[in-house]
Amino acid sequence: MRAATRLARDRRPDLPIEGPIQYDAAVDLEVGAQKMQGSAVAGQATVLIFPDLNTGNNTYKAVQRETGAIAIGPVLQGLKKPVKDLSRGCTVEDIVNTVAITAIQAQAQ
């Protein structure tokens, strides 16, 4: 995650990027202010990137179900064609959002 953060900052210095950062510090202003003083991202992150598929799946599903947030993923990168994964417990909205993202990726190729 540290290497990915450095790479992202190097490529897009115009974006506020923080990492690694714990979930609570990423999304809760009070916790973010305590754990990451001076961070432009802490407490108000809008994009979360996880180190592996299992961690990402567990976290995004928990957040989606508990908060009603829109969650799109997992989005696999680096393959020749767009590939997505939907769980058996996905909602209709999950399917529509995933199809939309996949169509956008396919057009870019």
PDB file of N, CA and C in Angstrom:
ATOM      1  N   MET A   1       0.818  -1.185   0.000  1.00  0.00           N
ATOM      2  CA  MET A   1       0.000   0.000   0.000  1.00  0.00           C
ATOM      3  C   MET A   1       0.868   1.256   0.000  1.00  0.00           C
ATOM      4  N   ARG A   2       1.989   1.205   0.690  1.00  0.00           N
ATOM      5  CA  ARG A   2       2.875   2.377   0.685  1.00  0.00           C
ATOM      6  C   ARG A   2       3.421   2.637  -0.716  1.00  0.00           C
ATOM      7  N   ALA A   3       3.827   1.584  -1.394  1.00  0.00           N
ATOM      8  CA  ALA A   3       4.361   1.750  -2.753  1.00  0.00           C
ATOM      9  C   ALA A   3       3.274   2.253  -3.703  1.00  0.00           C
ATOM     10  N   ALA A   4       2.067   1.731  -3.552  1.00  0.00           N
ATOM     11  CA  ALA A   4       0.952   2.175  -4.399  1.00  0.00           C
ATOM     12  C   ALA A   4       0.634   3.642  -4.141  1.00  0.00           C
ATOM     13  N   THR A   5       0.693   4.062  -2.888  1.00  0.00           N
ATOM     14  CA  THR A   5       0.433   5.459  -2.545  1.00  0.00           C
ATOM     15  C   THR A   5       1.488   6.362  -3.170  1.00  0.00           C
ATOM     16  N   ARG A   6       2.756   5.971  -3.064  1.00  0.00           N
ATOM     17  CA  ARG A   6       3.829   6.769  -3.673  1.00  0.00           C
ATOM     18  C   ARG A   6       3.634   6.882  -5.178  1.00  0.00           C
ATOM     19  N   LEU A   7       3.308   5.773  -5.811  1.00  0.00           N
ATOM     20  CA  LEU A   7       3.101   5.759  -7.256  1.00  0.00           C
ATOM     21  C   LEU A   7       1.942   6.672  -7.655  1.00  0.00           C
ATOM     22  N   ALA A   8       0.832   6.584  -6.922  1.00  0.00           N
ATOM     23  CA  ALA A   8      -0.329   7.425  -7.222  1.00  0.00           C
ATOM     24  C   ALA A   8       0.007   8.904  -7.032  1.00  0.00           C
ATOM     25  N   ARG A   9       0.708   9.226  -5.983  1.00  0.00           N
ATOM     26  CA  ARG A   9       1.090  10.626  -5.739  1.00  0.00           C
ATOM     27  C   ARG A   9       2.020  11.140  -6.837  1.00  0.00           C
ATOM     28  N   ASP A  10       2.948  10.295  -7.266  1.00  0.00           N
ATOM     29  CA  ASP A  10       3.873  10.697  -8.334  1.00  0.00           C
ATOM     30  C   ASP A  10       3.136  10.958  -9.640  1.00  0.00           C
ATOM     31  N   ARG A  11       2.171  10.113  -9.940  1.00  0.00           N
ATOM     32  CA  ARG A  11       1.436  10.242 -11.201  1.00  0.00           C
ATOM     33  C   ARG A  11       0.373  11.333 -11.170  1.00  0.00           C
ATOM     34  N   ARG A  12      -0.215  11.563 -10.007  1.00  0.00           N
ATOM     35  CA  ARG A  12      -1.289  12.561  -9.889  1.00  0.00           C
ATOM     36  C   ARG A  12      -1.068  13.451  -8.666  1.00  0.00           C
ATOM     37  N   PRO A  13      -0.059  14.304  -8.720  1.00  0.00           N
ATOM     38  CA  PRO A  13       0.207  15.168  -7.567  1.00  0.00           C
ATOM     39  C   PRO A  13      -0.923  16.166  -7.282  1.00  0.00           C
ATOM     40  N   ASP A  14      -1.838  16.323  -8.242  1.00  0.00           N
ATOM     41  CA  ASP A  14      -2.957  17.247  -8.071  1.00  0.00           C
ATOM     42  C   ASP A  14      -4.084  16.660  -7.216  1.00  0.00           C
ATOM     43  N   LEU A  15      -4.054  15.355  -6.960  1.00  0.00           N
ATOM     44  CA  LEU A  15      -5.116  14.711  -6.184  1.00  0.00           C
ATOM     45  C   LEU A  15      -4.712  14.564  -4.720  1.00  0.00           C
ATOM     46  N   PRO A  16      -5.651  14.774  -3.797  1.00  0.00           N
ATOM     47  CA  PRO A  16      -5.348  14.511  -2.391  1.00  0.00           C
ATOM     48  C   PRO A  16      -5.378  12.999  -2.160  1.00  0.00           C
ATOM     49  N   ILE A  17      -4.248  12.420  -1.884  1.00  0.00           N
ATOM     50  CA  ILE A  17      -4.117  10.966  -1.720  1.00  0.00           C
ATOM     51  C   ILE A  17      -3.445  10.697  -0.380  1.00  0.00           C
ATOM     52  N   GLU A  18      -3.992   9.765   0.368  1.00  0.00           N
ATOM     53  CA  GLU A  18      -3.444   9.405   1.674  1.00  0.00           C
ATOM     54  C   GLU A  18      -3.348   7.894   1.757  1.00  0.00           C
ATOM     55  N   GLY A  19      -2.291   7.406   2.315  1.00  0.00           N
ATOM     56  CA  GLY A  19      -2.208   5.974   2.506  1.00  0.00           C
ATOM     57  C   GLY A  19      -0.858   5.563   3.058  1.00  0.00           C
ATOM     58  N   PRO A  20      -0.805   4.421   3.665  1.00  0.00           N
ATOM     59  CA  PRO A  20      -1.970   3.663   4.105  1.00  0.00           C
ATOM     60  C   PRO A  20      -2.685   4.385   5.241  1.00  0.00           C
ATOM     61  N   ILE A  21      -3.965   4.136   5.328  1.00  0.00           N
ATOM     62  CA  ILE A  21      -4.797   4.777   6.345  1.00  0.00           C
ATOM     63  C   ILE A  21      -5.866   3.776   6.782  1.00  0.00           C
ATOM     64  N   GLN A  22      -6.104   3.682   8.071  1.00  0.00           N
ATOM     65  CA  GLN A  22      -7.113   2.756   8.569  1.00  0.00           C
ATOM     66  C   GLN A  22      -8.507   3.260   8.210  1.00  0.00           C
ATOM     67  N   TYR A  23      -9.430   2.340   8.058  1.00  0.00           N
ATOM     68  CA  TYR A  23     -10.779   2.686   7.617  1.00  0.00           C
ATOM     69  C   TYR A  23     -11.425   3.759   8.485  1.00  0.00           C
ATOM     70  N   ASP A  24     -11.336   3.612   9.806  1.00  0.00           N
ATOM     71  CA  ASP A  24     -11.997   4.587  10.669  1.00  0.00           C
ATOM     72  C   ASP A  24     -11.419   5.986  10.487  1.00  0.00           C
ATOM     73  N   ALA A  25     -10.126   6.087  10.303  1.00  0.00           N
ATOM     74  CA  ALA A  25      -9.501   7.392  10.084  1.00  0.00           C
ATOM     75  C   ALA A  25      -9.826   7.938   8.695  1.00  0.00           C
ATOM     76  N   ALA A  26     -10.105   7.065   7.766  1.00  0.00           N
ATOM     77  CA  ALA A  26     -10.425   7.499   6.401  1.00  0.00           C
ATOM     78  C   ALA A  26     -11.814   8.110   6.305  1.00  0.00           C
ATOM     79  N   VAL A  27     -12.766   7.612   7.100  1.00  0.00           N
ATOM     80  CA  VAL A  27     -14.160   8.027   6.913  1.00  0.00           C
ATOM     81  C   VAL A  27     -14.767   8.810   8.076  1.00  0.00           C
ATOM     82  N   ASP A  28     -14.117   8.885   9.210  1.00  0.00           N
ATOM     83  CA  ASP A  28     -14.658   9.573  10.372  1.00  0.00           C
ATOM     84  C   ASP A  28     -13.790  10.801  10.663  1.00  0.00           C
ATOM     85  N   LEU A  29     -14.390  11.996  10.582  1.00  0.00           N
ATOM     86  CA  LEU A  29     -13.631  13.236  10.759  1.00  0.00           C
ATOM     87  C   LEU A  29     -12.907  13.310  12.100  1.00  0.00           C
ATOM     88  N   GLU A  30     -13.591  12.921  13.159  1.00  0.00           N
ATOM     89  CA  GLU A  30     -12.988  13.000  14.492  1.00  0.00           C
ATOM     90  C   GLU A  30     -11.797  12.051  14.615  1.00  0.00           C
ATOM     91  N   VAL A  31     -11.980  10.822  14.170  1.00  0.00           N
ATOM     92  CA  VAL A  31     -10.889   9.841  14.240  1.00  0.00           C
ATOM     93  C   VAL A  31      -9.764  10.259  13.301  1.00  0.00           C
ATOM     94  N   GLY A  32     -10.126  10.719  12.103  1.00  0.00           N
ATOM     95  CA  GLY A  32      -9.118  11.166  11.149  1.00  0.00           C
ATOM     96  C   GLY A  32      -8.263  12.287  11.704  1.00  0.00           C
ATOM     97  N   ALA A  33      -8.880  13.235  12.390  1.00  0.00           N
ATOM     98  CA  ALA A  33      -8.146  14.354  12.976  1.00  0.00           C
ATOM     99  C   ALA A  33      -7.187  13.883  14.068  1.00  0.00           C
ATOM    100  N   GLN A  34      -7.577  12.838  14.808  1.00  0.00           N
ATOM    101  CA  GLN A  34      -6.713  12.307  15.862  1.00  0.00           C
ATOM    102  C   GLN A  34      -5.550  11.500  15.298  1.00  0.00           C
ATOM    103  N   LYS A  35      -5.848  10.655  14.319  1.00  0.00           N
ATOM    104  CA  LYS A  35      -4.829   9.728  13.814  1.00  0.00           C
ATOM    105  C   LYS A  35      -3.947  10.316  12.717  1.00  0.00           C
ATOM    106  N   MET A  36      -4.484  11.262  11.952  1.00  0.00           N
ATOM    107  CA  MET A  36      -3.761  11.767  10.779  1.00  0.00           C
ATOM    108  C   MET A  36      -3.810  13.295  10.756  1.00  0.00           C
ATOM    109  N   GLN A  37      -3.285  13.935  11.774  1.00  0.00           N
ATOM    110  CA  GLN A  37      -3.333  15.395  11.866  1.00  0.00           C
ATOM    111  C   GLN A  37      -2.748  16.033  10.609  1.00  0.00           C
ATOM    112  N   GLY A  38      -3.460  17.016  10.074  1.00  0.00           N
ATOM    113  CA  GLY A  38      -2.982  17.740   8.907  1.00  0.00           C
ATOM    114  C   GLY A  38      -3.296  17.088   7.577  1.00  0.00           C
ATOM    115  N   SER A  39      -3.948  15.942   7.593  1.00  0.00           N
ATOM    116  CA  SER A  39      -4.275  15.253   6.351  1.00  0.00           C
ATOM    117  C   SER A  39      -5.483  15.900   5.675  1.00  0.00           C
ATOM    118  N   ALA A  40      -5.380  16.085   4.359  1.00  0.00           N
ATOM    119  CA  ALA A  40      -6.500  16.636   3.586  1.00  0.00           C
ATOM    120  C   ALA A  40      -7.554  15.571   3.292  1.00  0.00           C
ATOM    121  N   VAL A  41      -7.221  14.321   3.511  1.00  0.00           N
ATOM    122  CA  VAL A  41      -8.108  13.212   3.163  1.00  0.00           C
ATOM    123  C   VAL A  41      -8.776  12.602   4.396  1.00  0.00           C
ATOM    124  N   ALA A  42      -8.059  12.512   5.492  1.00  0.00           N
ATOM    125  CA  ALA A  42      -8.549  11.816   6.679  1.00  0.00           C
ATOM    126  C   ALA A  42      -9.928  12.316   7.092  1.00  0.00           C
ATOM    127  N   GLY A  43     -10.818  11.364   7.302  1.00  0.00           N
ATOM    128  CA  GLY A  43     -12.170  11.669   7.735  1.00  0.00           C
ATOM    129  C   GLY A  43     -13.143  11.952   6.618  1.00  0.00           C
ATOM    130  N   GLN A  44     -12.655  12.094   5.389  1.00  0.00           N
ATOM    131  CA  GLN A  44     -13.553  12.407   4.283  1.00  0.00           C
ATOM    132  C   GLN A  44     -13.155  11.706   2.983  1.00  0.00           C
ATOM    133  N   ALA A  45     -12.572  10.542   3.109  1.00  0.00           N
ATOM    134  CA  ALA A  45     -12.186   9.773   1.927  1.00  0.00           C
ATOM    135  C   ALA A  45     -13.425   9.343   1.145  1.00  0.00           C
ATOM    136  N   THR A  46     -13.352   9.404  -0.159  1.00  0.00           N
ATOM    137  CA  THR A  46     -14.468   8.997  -1.014  1.00  0.00           C
ATOM    138  C   THR A  46     -14.133   7.768  -1.849  1.00  0.00           C
ATOM    139  N   VAL A  47     -12.868   7.431  -1.941  1.00  0.00           N
ATOM    140  CA  VAL A  47     -12.442   6.225  -2.654  1.00  0.00           C
ATOM    141  C   VAL A  47     -11.540   5.444  -1.711  1.00  0.00           C
ATOM    142  N   LEU A  48     -11.841   4.170  -1.557  1.00  0.00           N
ATOM    143  CA  LEU A  48     -11.041   3.306  -0.684  1.00  0.00           C
ATOM    144  C   LEU A  48     -10.435   2.198  -1.528  1.00  0.00           C
ATOM    145  N   ILE A  49      -9.146   1.979  -1.387  1.00  0.00           N
ATOM    146  CA  ILE A  49      -8.454   0.926  -2.127  1.00  0.00           C
ATOM    147  C   ILE A  49      -7.862  -0.028  -1.102  1.00  0.00           C
ATOM    148  N   PHE A  50      -8.106  -1.325  -1.312  1.00  0.00           N
ATOM    149  CA  PHE A  50      -7.688  -2.331  -0.350  1.00  0.00           C
ATOM    150  C   PHE A  50      -6.521  -3.154  -0.894  1.00  0.00           C
ATOM    151  N   PRO A  51      -5.720  -3.717   0.001  1.00  0.00           N
ATOM    152  CA  PRO A  51      -4.518  -4.431  -0.429  1.00  0.00           C
ATOM    153  C   PRO A  51      -4.771  -5.775  -1.110  1.00  0.00           C
ATOM    154  N   ASP A  52      -5.949  -6.335  -0.912  1.00  0.00           N
ATOM    155  CA  ASP A  52      -6.246  -7.608  -1.560  1.00  0.00           C
ATOM    156  C   ASP A  52      -7.758  -7.773  -1.700  1.00  0.00           C
ATOM    157  N   LEU A  53      -8.162  -8.706  -2.533  1.00  0.00           N
ATOM    158  CA  LEU A  53      -9.563  -8.903  -2.867  1.00  0.00           C
ATOM    159  C   LEU A  53     -10.404  -9.294  -1.647  1.00  0.00           C
ATOM    160  N   ASN A  54      -9.877 -10.155  -0.793  1.00  0.00           N
ATOM    161  CA  ASN A  54     -10.634 -10.606   0.364  1.00  0.00           C
ATOM    162  C   ASN A  54     -10.933  -9.444   1.317  1.00  0.00           C
ATOM    163  N   THR A  55      -9.941  -8.644   1.621  1.00  0.00           N
ATOM    164  CA  THR A  55     -10.139  -7.499   2.506  1.00  0.00           C
ATOM    165  C   THR A  55     -11.125  -6.516   1.900  1.00  0.00           C
ATOM    166  N   GLY A  56     -10.979  -6.254   0.620  1.00  0.00           N
ATOM    167  CA  GLY A  56     -11.887  -5.347  -0.065  1.00  0.00           C
ATOM    168  C   GLY A  56     -13.317  -5.849  -0.042  1.00  0.00           C
ATOM    169  N   ASN A  57     -13.514  -7.113  -0.358  1.00  0.00           N
ATOM    170  CA  ASN A  57     -14.864  -7.689  -0.358  1.00  0.00           C
ATOM    171  C   ASN A  57     -15.515  -7.605   1.016  1.00  0.00           C
ATOM    172  N   ASN A  58     -14.795  -8.023   2.028  1.00  0.00           N
ATOM    173  CA  ASN A  58     -15.356  -8.008   3.376  1.00  0.00           C
ATOM    174  C   ASN A  58     -15.734  -6.598   3.812  1.00  0.00           C
ATOM    175  N   THR A  59     -14.868  -5.655   3.559  1.00  0.00           N
ATOM    176  CA  THR A  59     -15.113  -4.291   4.031  1.00  0.00           C
ATOM    177  C   THR A  59     -16.208  -3.605   3.243  1.00  0.00           C
ATOM    178  N   TYR A  60     -16.157  -3.694   1.908  1.00  0.00           N
ATOM    179  CA  TYR A  60     -17.170  -2.954   1.148  1.00  0.00           C
ATOM    180  C   TYR A  60     -18.563  -3.523   1.358  1.00  0.00           C
ATOM    181  N   LYS A  61     -18.673  -4.829   1.538  1.00  0.00           N
ATOM    182  CA  LYS A  61     -19.990  -5.415   1.788  1.00  0.00           C
ATOM    183  C   LYS A  61     -20.525  -4.995   3.159  1.00  0.00           C
ATOM    184  N   ALA A  62     -19.658  -4.955   4.154  1.00  0.00           N
ATOM    185  CA  ALA A  62     -20.085  -4.526   5.486  1.00  0.00           C
ATOM    186  C   ALA A  62     -20.542  -3.074   5.466  1.00  0.00           C
ATOM    187  N   VAL A  63     -19.764  -2.216   4.841  1.00  0.00           N
ATOM    188  CA  VAL A  63     -20.116  -0.792   4.775  1.00  0.00           C
ATOM    189  C   VAL A  63     -21.408  -0.599   3.978  1.00  0.00           C
ATOM    190  N   GLN A  64     -21.521  -1.261   2.845  1.00  0.00           N
ATOM    191  CA  GLN A  64     -22.721  -1.129   2.011  1.00  0.00           C
ATOM    192  C   GLN A  64     -23.969  -1.537   2.780  1.00  0.00           C
ATOM    193  N   ARG A  65     -23.921  -2.657   3.437  1.00  0.00           N
ATOM    194  CA  ARG A  65     -25.106  -3.161   4.139  1.00  0.00           C
ATOM    195  C   ARG A  65     -25.455  -2.328   5.363  1.00  0.00           C
ATOM    196  N   GLU A  66     -24.461  -1.813   6.048  1.00  0.00           N
ATOM    197  CA  GLU A  66     -24.715  -1.079   7.284  1.00  0.00           C
ATOM    198  C   GLU A  66     -25.067   0.390   7.050  1.00  0.00           C
ATOM    199  N   THR A  67     -24.636   0.959   5.923  1.00  0.00           N
ATOM    200  CA  THR A  67     -24.848   2.389   5.710  1.00  0.00           C
ATOM    201  C   THR A  67     -25.777   2.708   4.544  1.00  0.00           C
ATOM    202  N   GLY A  68     -26.037   1.730   3.686  1.00  0.00           N
ATOM    203  CA  GLY A  68     -26.837   1.991   2.494  1.00  0.00           C
ATOM    204  C   GLY A  68     -26.042   2.682   1.404  1.00  0.00           C
ATOM    205  N   ALA A  69     -24.730   2.719   1.549  1.00  0.00           N
ATOM    206  CA  ALA A  69     -23.863   3.366   0.563  1.00  0.00           C
ATOM    207  C   ALA A  69     -23.877   2.602  -0.757  1.00  0.00           C
ATOM    208  N   ILE A  70     -23.600   3.315  -1.823  1.00  0.00           N
ATOM    209  CA  ILE A  70     -23.421   2.666  -3.118  1.00  0.00           C
ATOM    210  C   ILE A  70     -22.016   2.095  -3.141  1.00  0.00           C
ATOM    211  N   ALA A  71     -21.912   0.819  -3.426  1.00  0.00           N
ATOM    212  CA  ALA A  71     -20.611   0.161  -3.487  1.00  0.00           C
ATOM    213  C   ALA A  71     -20.488  -0.528  -4.840  1.00  0.00           C
ATOM    214  N   ILE A  72     -19.412  -0.247  -5.522  1.00  0.00           N
ATOM    215  CA  ILE A  72     -19.170  -0.872  -6.821  1.00  0.00           C
ATOM    216  C   ILE A  72     -17.859  -1.626  -6.712  1.00  0.00           C
ATOM    217  N   GLY A  73     -17.912  -2.900  -6.966  1.00  0.00           N
ATOM    218  CA  GLY A  73     -16.673  -3.660  -6.895  1.00  0.00           C
ATOM    219  C   GLY A  73     -16.952  -5.127  -6.661  1.00  0.00           C
ATOM    220  N   PRO A  74     -15.935  -5.894  -6.681  1.00  0.00           N
ATOM    221  CA  PRO A  74     -14.564  -5.488  -6.953  1.00  0.00           C
ATOM    222  C   PRO A  74     -14.356  -5.151  -8.432  1.00  0.00           C
ATOM    223  N   VAL A  75     -13.433  -4.242  -8.682  1.00  0.00           N
ATOM    224  CA  VAL A  75     -13.054  -3.877 -10.042  1.00  0.00           C
ATOM    225  C   VAL A  75     -11.624  -4.380 -10.232  1.00  0.00           C
ATOM    226  N   LEU A  76     -11.477  -5.394 -11.032  1.00  0.00           N
ATOM    227  CA  LEU A  76     -10.165  -5.985 -11.268  1.00  0.00           C
ATOM    228  C   LEU A  76      -9.461  -5.214 -12.374  1.00  0.00           C
ATOM    229  N   GLN A  77      -8.201  -4.903 -12.168  1.00  0.00           N
ATOM    230  CA  GLN A  77      -7.431  -4.109 -13.122  1.00  0.00           C
ATOM    231  C   GLN A  77      -6.304  -4.945 -13.717  1.00  0.00           C
ATOM    232  N   GLY A  78      -5.816  -4.514 -14.864  1.00  0.00           N
ATOM    233  CA  GLY A  78      -4.628  -5.126 -15.444  1.00  0.00           C
ATOM    234  C   GLY A  78      -4.884  -6.333 -16.331  1.00  0.00           C
ATOM    235  N   LEU A  79      -6.135  -6.640 -16.621  1.00  0.00           N
ATOM    236  CA  LEU A  79      -6.447  -7.772 -17.483  1.00  0.00           C
ATOM    237  C   LEU A  79      -6.720  -7.276 -18.902  1.00  0.00           C
ATOM    238  N   LYS A  80      -6.661  -8.165 -19.873  1.00  0.00           N
ATOM    239  CA  LYS A  80      -6.874  -7.764 -21.261  1.00  0.00           C
ATOM    240  C   LYS A  80      -8.297  -7.299 -21.528  1.00  0.00           C
ATOM    241  N   LYS A  81      -9.245  -7.835 -20.796  1.00  0.00           N
ATOM    242  CA  LYS A  81     -10.646  -7.463 -20.955  1.00  0.00           C
ATOM    243  C   LYS A  81     -11.245  -7.168 -19.583  1.00  0.00           C
ATOM    244  N   PRO A  82     -12.315  -6.349 -19.547  1.00  0.00           N
ATOM    245  CA  PRO A  82     -12.948  -6.060 -18.252  1.00  0.00           C
ATOM    246  C   PRO A  82     -13.525  -7.327 -17.616  1.00  0.00           C
ATOM    247  N   VAL A  83     -13.230  -7.517 -16.356  1.00  0.00           N
ATOM    248  CA  VAL A  83     -13.726  -8.671 -15.605  1.00  0.00           C
ATOM    249  C   VAL A  83     -14.300  -8.168 -14.288  1.00  0.00           C
ATOM    250  N   LYS A  84     -15.453  -8.665 -13.920  1.00  0.00           N
ATOM    251  CA  LYS A  84     -16.078  -8.285 -12.658  1.00  0.00           C
ATOM    252  C   LYS A  84     -16.533  -9.535 -11.916  1.00  0.00           C
ATOM    253  N   ASP A  85     -16.832  -9.343 -10.659  1.00  0.00           N
ATOM    254  CA  ASP A  85     -17.284 -10.441  -9.813  1.00  0.00           C
ATOM    255  C   ASP A  85     -18.485  -9.946  -9.009  1.00  0.00           C
ATOM    256  N   LEU A  86     -19.579 -10.650  -9.089  1.00  0.00           N
ATOM    257  CA  LEU A  86     -20.761 -10.334  -8.281  1.00  0.00           C
ATOM    258  C   LEU A  86     -21.025 -11.481  -7.317  1.00  0.00           C
ATOM    259  N   SER A  87     -21.312 -11.136  -6.074  1.00  0.00           N
ATOM    260  CA  SER A  87     -21.589 -12.189  -5.102  1.00  0.00           C
ATOM    261  C   SER A  87     -23.034 -12.657  -5.235  1.00  0.00           C
ATOM    262  N   ARG A  88     -23.315 -13.807  -4.678  1.00  0.00           N
ATOM    263  CA  ARG A  88     -24.686 -14.333  -4.706  1.00  0.00           C
ATOM    264  C   ARG A  88     -25.644 -13.434  -3.953  1.00  0.00           C
ATOM    265  N   GLY A  89     -25.132 -12.621  -3.041  1.00  0.00           N
ATOM    266  CA  GLY A  89     -25.985 -11.744  -2.248  1.00  0.00           C
ATOM    267  C   GLY A  89     -26.109 -10.341  -2.810  1.00  0.00           C
ATOM    268  N   CYS A  90     -25.677 -10.139  -4.049  1.00  0.00           N
ATOM    269  CA  CYS A  90     -25.717  -8.785  -4.602  1.00  0.00           C
ATOM    270  C   CYS A  90     -27.154  -8.331  -4.871  1.00  0.00           C
ATOM    271  N   THR A  91     -27.317  -7.017  -4.938  1.00  0.00           N
ATOM    272  CA  THR A  91     -28.626  -6.436  -5.203  1.00  0.00           C
ATOM    273  C   THR A  91     -28.758  -6.117  -6.692  1.00  0.00           C
ATOM    274  N   VAL A  92     -29.964  -5.794  -7.117  1.00  0.00           N
ATOM    275  CA  VAL A  92     -30.183  -5.385  -8.504  1.00  0.00           C
ATOM    276  C   VAL A  92     -29.342  -4.151  -8.812  1.00  0.00           C
ATOM    277  N   GLU A  93     -29.301  -3.210  -7.875  1.00  0.00           N
ATOM    278  CA  GLU A  93     -28.491  -2.002  -8.068  1.00  0.00           C
ATOM    279  C   GLU A  93     -27.014  -2.355  -8.248  1.00  0.00           C
ATOM    280  N   ASP A  94     -26.514  -3.350  -7.506  1.00  0.00           N
ATOM    281  CA  ASP A  94     -25.131  -3.804  -7.668  1.00  0.00           C
ATOM    282  C   ASP A  94     -24.891  -4.272  -9.099  1.00  0.00           C
ATOM    283  N   ILE A  95     -25.832  -5.039  -9.630  1.00  0.00           N
ATOM    284  CA  ILE A  95     -25.687  -5.576 -10.988  1.00  0.00           C
ATOM    285  C   ILE A  95     -25.679  -4.440 -12.008  1.00  0.00           C
ATOM    286  N   VAL A  96     -26.613  -3.507 -11.883  1.00  0.00           N
ATOM    287  CA  VAL A  96     -26.698  -2.381 -12.830  1.00  0.00           C
ATOM    288  C   VAL A  96     -25.413  -1.555 -12.783  1.00  0.00           C
ATOM    289  N   ASN A  97     -24.941  -1.223 -11.594  1.00  0.00           N
ATOM    290  CA  ASN A  97     -23.713  -0.433 -11.470  1.00  0.00           C
ATOM    291  C   ASN A  97     -22.505  -1.160 -12.039  1.00  0.00           C
ATOM    292  N   THR A  98     -22.427  -2.444 -11.798  1.00  0.00           N
ATOM    293  CA  THR A  98     -21.297  -3.230 -12.298  1.00  0.00           C
ATOM    294  C   THR A  98     -21.325  -3.320 -13.820  1.00  0.00           C
ATOM    295  N   VAL A  99     -22.494  -3.520 -14.400  1.00  0.00           N
ATOM    296  CA  VAL A  99     -22.623  -3.556 -15.855  1.00  0.00           C
ATOM    297  C   VAL A  99     -22.214  -2.207 -16.451  1.00  0.00           C
ATOM    298  N   ALA A 100     -22.624  -1.113 -15.819  1.00  0.00           N
ATOM    299  CA  ALA A 100     -22.278   0.222 -16.321  1.00  0.00           C
ATOM    300  C   ALA A 100     -20.753   0.437 -16.309  1.00  0.00           C
ATOM    301  N   ILE A 101     -20.099   0.086 -15.219  1.00  0.00           N
ATOM    302  CA  ILE A 101     -18.654   0.229 -15.132  1.00  0.00           C
ATOM    303  C   ILE A 101     -17.960  -0.637 -16.178  1.00  0.00           C
ATOM    304  N   THR A 102     -18.426  -1.860 -16.354  1.00  0.00           N
ATOM    305  CA  THR A 102     -17.838  -2.777 -17.323  1.00  0.00           C
ATOM    306  C   THR A 102     -17.994  -2.227 -18.734  1.00  0.00           C
ATOM    307  N   ALA A 103     -19.160  -1.673 -19.060  1.00  0.00           N
ATOM    308  CA  ALA A 103     -19.390  -1.095 -20.389  1.00  0.00           C
ATOM    309  C   ALA A 103     -18.455   0.076 -20.646  1.00  0.00           C
ATOM    310  N   ILE A 104     -18.253   0.907 -19.637  1.00  0.00           N
ATOM    311  CA  ILE A 104     -17.329   2.038 -19.775  1.00  0.00           C
ATOM    312  C   ILE A 104     -15.915   1.542 -20.024  1.00  0.00           C
ATOM    313  N   GLN A 105     -15.493   0.539 -19.268  1.00  0.00           N
ATOM    314  CA  GLN A 105     -14.156  -0.014 -19.462  1.00  0.00           C
ATOM    315  C   GLN A 105     -14.013  -0.633 -20.852  1.00  0.00           C
ATOM    316  N   ALA A 106     -15.032  -1.320 -21.313  1.00  0.00           N
ATOM    317  CA  ALA A 106     -14.972  -1.970 -22.631  1.00  0.00           C
ATOM    318  C   ALA A 106     -14.847  -0.933 -23.735  1.00  0.00           C
ATOM    319  N   GLN A 107     -15.522   0.192 -23.601  1.00  0.00           N
ATOM    320  CA  GLN A 107     -15.445   1.254 -24.613  1.00  0.00           C
ATOM    321  C   GLN A 107     -14.041   1.852 -24.678  1.00  0.00           C
ATOM    322  N   ALA A 108     -13.366   1.891 -23.559  1.00  0.00           N
ATOM    323  CA  ALA A 108     -12.023   2.465 -23.518  1.00  0.00           C
ATOM    324  C   ALA A 108     -11.009   1.584 -24.235  1.00  0.00           C
ATOM    325  N   GLN A 109     -11.377   0.352 -24.473  1.00  0.00           N
ATOM    326  CA  GLN A 109     -10.447  -0.566 -25.143  1.00  0.00           C
ATOM    327  C   GLN A 109     -10.717  -0.491 -26.598  1.00  0.00           C
TER     328      GLN A 109
END
